[in-house]
């Protein structure tokens, strides 16, 4: 299982470089508007997006072909059921933490963990037989949850400041 390193492209950016063994293997560009973006992996641009506004599956797509999909069964939980090529995984955020655990057949097979409490740098591990674009898609899903939490915290702070 190889370790992927996530490095924000700048201090305020939600775009990330993904490194493995010190070399760049992917870039994650998250849109400022809506839940979509582009994953640059192995010289190809994969589109990632949510099918509907506030509802629907999250999709990984290459040149119009669906590669993987993730359903979020509950708006309140940081949980995704991800499917790719007949396989399915549970990608779940841990309570009161920003880390995620990947399960296949009720067994932990991967994770994403911040390197420190107040940073967006993180490391991720996935099964070797999982294609790199699917790994990067799962990282994108976790980053969306982090961004949602940061955005809701900023909104709460703005409301408190205006009171």
Protein backbone atom coordinates (compact mmCIF):
# COMPACT_ATOMS: atom_id res chain seq x y z
CA UNK A 1 0.00 0.00 0.00
CA UNK A 2 1.65 3.21 -1.16
CA UNK A 3 1.29 6.45 0.74
CA UNK A 4 -0.01 9.54 -1.02
CA UNK A 5 0.82 13.00 0.34
CA UNK A 6 -1.68 15.85 -0.05
CA UNK A 7 -0.19 19.33 -0.19
CA UNK A 8 -2.36 22.46 -0.60
CA UNK A 9 -1.16 24.56 -3.55
CA UNK A 10 -1.24 27.69 -1.40
CA UNK A 11 -2.24 28.76 2.08
CA UNK A 12 -5.85 29.65 1.20
CA UNK A 13 -6.30 27.27 -1.73
CA UNK A 14 -8.55 24.22 -1.85
CA UNK A 15 -6.49 22.90 -4.76
CA UNK A 16 -3.97 20.20 -3.90
CA UNK A 17 -0.92 18.49 -5.29
CA UNK A 18 -0.75 14.76 -4.63
CA UNK A 19 2.69 13.20 -4.27
CA UNK A 20 3.87 9.61 -4.03
CA UNK A 21 7.48 8.93 -3.10
CA UNK A 22 8.21 12.64 -3.55
CA UNK A 23 6.93 12.90 -7.13
CA UNK A 24 3.71 14.50 -8.32
CA UNK A 25 1.08 11.95 -9.40
CA UNK A 26 -2.04 14.13 -9.47
CA UNK A 27 -3.55 17.58 -8.97
CA UNK A 28 -6.95 18.24 -7.44
CA UNK A 29 -8.72 21.42 -8.54
CA UNK A 30 -11.88 22.09 -6.54
CA UNK A 31 -14.37 24.59 -7.93
CA UNK A 32 -15.24 27.55 -5.73
CA UNK A 33 -18.85 27.20 -6.86
CA UNK A 34 -20.82 24.02 -6.36
CA UNK A 35 -19.37 20.61 -5.73
CA UNK A 36 -17.30 19.92 -8.81
CA UNK A 37 -13.74 20.03 -10.01
CA UNK A 38 -11.03 18.49 -12.16
CA UNK A 39 -8.58 15.76 -11.21
CA UNK A 40 -5.41 15.69 -13.27
CA UNK A 41 -4.08 12.13 -13.12
CA UNK A 42 -1.50 10.52 -15.40
CA UNK A 43 -1.87 13.25 -18.02
CA UNK A 44 -5.68 12.96 -18.17
CA UNK A 45 -8.30 15.38 -16.86
CA UNK A 46 -11.11 13.65 -14.98
CA UNK A 47 -14.27 15.60 -14.24
CA UNK A 48 -15.75 15.24 -10.76
CA UNK A 49 -19.15 16.63 -9.88
CA UNK A 50 -22.42 16.08 -8.09
CA UNK A 51 -25.26 15.04 -10.39
CA UNK A 52 -27.81 17.34 -8.81
CA UNK A 53 -27.86 20.46 -6.72
CA UNK A 54 -27.67 19.33 -3.06
CA UNK A 55 -28.70 15.76 -4.03
CA UNK A 56 -27.52 13.01 -6.28
CA UNK A 57 -24.44 10.90 -6.74
CA UNK A 58 -20.91 12.23 -6.91
CA UNK A 59 -19.36 11.20 -10.22
CA UNK A 60 -15.84 10.56 -11.53
CA UNK A 61 -15.85 10.83 -15.31
CA UNK A 62 -13.28 10.66 -18.12
CA UNK A 63 -14.26 11.97 -21.56
CA UNK A 64 -17.97 11.50 -20.81
CA UNK A 65 -17.56 7.95 -19.46
CA UNK A 66 -18.47 7.31 -15.83
CA UNK A 67 -15.55 5.68 -14.01
CA UNK A 68 -16.87 5.68 -10.43
CA UNK A 69 -19.80 6.99 -8.40
CA UNK A 70 -20.34 7.77 -4.74
CA UNK A 71 -23.66 8.03 -2.92
CA UNK A 72 -24.01 9.94 0.34
CA UNK A 73 -26.80 8.08 2.20
CA UNK A 74 -27.24 10.81 4.82
CA UNK A 75 -26.85 14.56 4.62
CA UNK A 76 -25.69 14.57 8.24
CA UNK A 77 -23.03 11.85 8.08
CA UNK A 78 -19.61 12.07 6.45
CA UNK A 79 -20.13 8.75 4.69
CA UNK A 80 -19.94 7.74 1.05
CA UNK A 81 -20.73 4.43 -0.60
CA UNK A 82 -18.35 4.30 -3.56
CA UNK A 83 -18.61 1.96 -6.56
CA UNK A 84 -16.13 1.25 -9.32
CA UNK A 85 -15.94 -1.68 -11.76
CA UNK A 86 -18.17 -3.97 -9.68
CA UNK A 87 -16.42 -3.20 -6.39
CA UNK A 88 -17.86 -1.17 -3.55
CA UNK A 89 -16.32 0.55 -0.56
CA UNK A 90 -17.47 2.56 2.43
CA UNK A 91 -15.52 5.86 2.79
CA UNK A 92 -16.35 7.28 6.20
CA UNK A 93 -15.20 10.30 8.15
CA UNK A 94 -14.40 9.67 11.78
CA UNK A 95 -16.48 11.46 14.42
CA UNK A 96 -14.80 14.62 15.78
CA UNK A 97 -11.84 14.11 13.45
CA UNK A 98 -11.02 15.04 9.89
CA UNK A 99 -9.68 11.57 9.09
CA UNK A 100 -11.45 9.08 6.81
CA UNK A 101 -11.37 5.29 6.81
CA UNK A 102 -11.94 3.10 3.76
CA UNK A 103 -13.71 -0.22 4.29
CA UNK A 104 -14.26 -3.08 1.89
CA UNK A 105 -16.36 -6.03 3.07
CA UNK A 106 -16.44 -4.53 6.60
CA UNK A 107 -12.62 -4.50 6.80
CA UNK A 108 -10.47 -1.36 6.95
CA UNK A 109 -8.30 -1.23 3.82
CA UNK A 110 -7.25 2.43 3.65
CA UNK A 111 -7.36 5.86 5.24
CA UNK A 112 -6.81 9.59 4.92
CA UNK A 113 -5.29 11.40 7.89
CA UNK A 114 -4.26 15.04 8.39
CA UNK A 115 -0.59 15.34 9.38
CA UNK A 116 -1.48 17.80 12.17
CA UNK A 117 -4.57 19.22 13.81
CA UNK A 118 -4.55 22.65 12.15
CA UNK A 119 -3.24 21.82 8.69
CA UNK A 120 -4.79 20.66 5.44
CA UNK A 121 -1.73 18.59 4.60
CA UNK A 122 -2.59 14.91 4.84
CA UNK A 123 -1.50 11.40 3.97
CA UNK A 124 -3.67 8.74 2.36
CA UNK A 125 -3.30 5.01 1.89
CA UNK A 126 -5.36 2.82 -0.42
CA UNK A 127 -5.22 -0.78 -1.65
CA UNK A 128 -2.62 -1.30 -4.37
CA UNK A 129 -5.23 -2.76 -6.73
CA UNK A 130 -7.38 0.40 -6.61
CA UNK A 131 -6.76 2.56 -9.72
CA UNK A 132 -5.08 5.89 -9.00
CA UNK A 133 -7.97 7.99 -10.43
CA UNK A 134 -10.39 6.28 -8.01
CA UNK A 135 -8.01 6.96 -5.09
CA UNK A 136 -7.83 10.63 -6.07
CA UNK A 137 -11.65 10.72 -6.40
CA UNK A 138 -11.99 9.48 -2.81
CA UNK A 139 -9.52 12.13 -1.64
CA UNK A 140 -11.62 14.75 -3.47
CA UNK A 141 -14.72 13.53 -1.60
CA UNK A 142 -12.94 13.93 1.76
CA UNK A 143 -11.69 17.39 0.77
CA UNK A 144 -15.27 18.39 -0.09
CA UNK A 145 -16.29 17.49 3.46
CA UNK A 146 -13.39 19.52 4.87
CA UNK A 147 -14.36 22.47 2.67
CA UNK A 148 -18.01 22.24 3.74
CA UNK A 149 -16.93 22.27 7.39
CA UNK A 150 -14.58 25.23 6.82
CA UNK A 151 -17.26 27.14 4.90
CA UNK A 152 -19.88 26.53 7.62
CA UNK A 153 -17.36 27.61 10.28
CA UNK A 154 -16.63 30.81 8.35
CA UNK A 155 -20.36 31.46 8.00
CA UNK A 156 -20.87 30.90 11.75
CA UNK A 157 -17.98 33.25 12.56
CA UNK A 158 -19.42 35.93 10.24
CA UNK A 159 -22.84 35.67 11.94
CA UNK A 160 -21.24 35.86 15.40
CA UNK A 161 -19.14 38.88 14.37
CA UNK A 162 -22.18 40.73 13.05
CA UNK A 163 -24.16 40.17 16.28
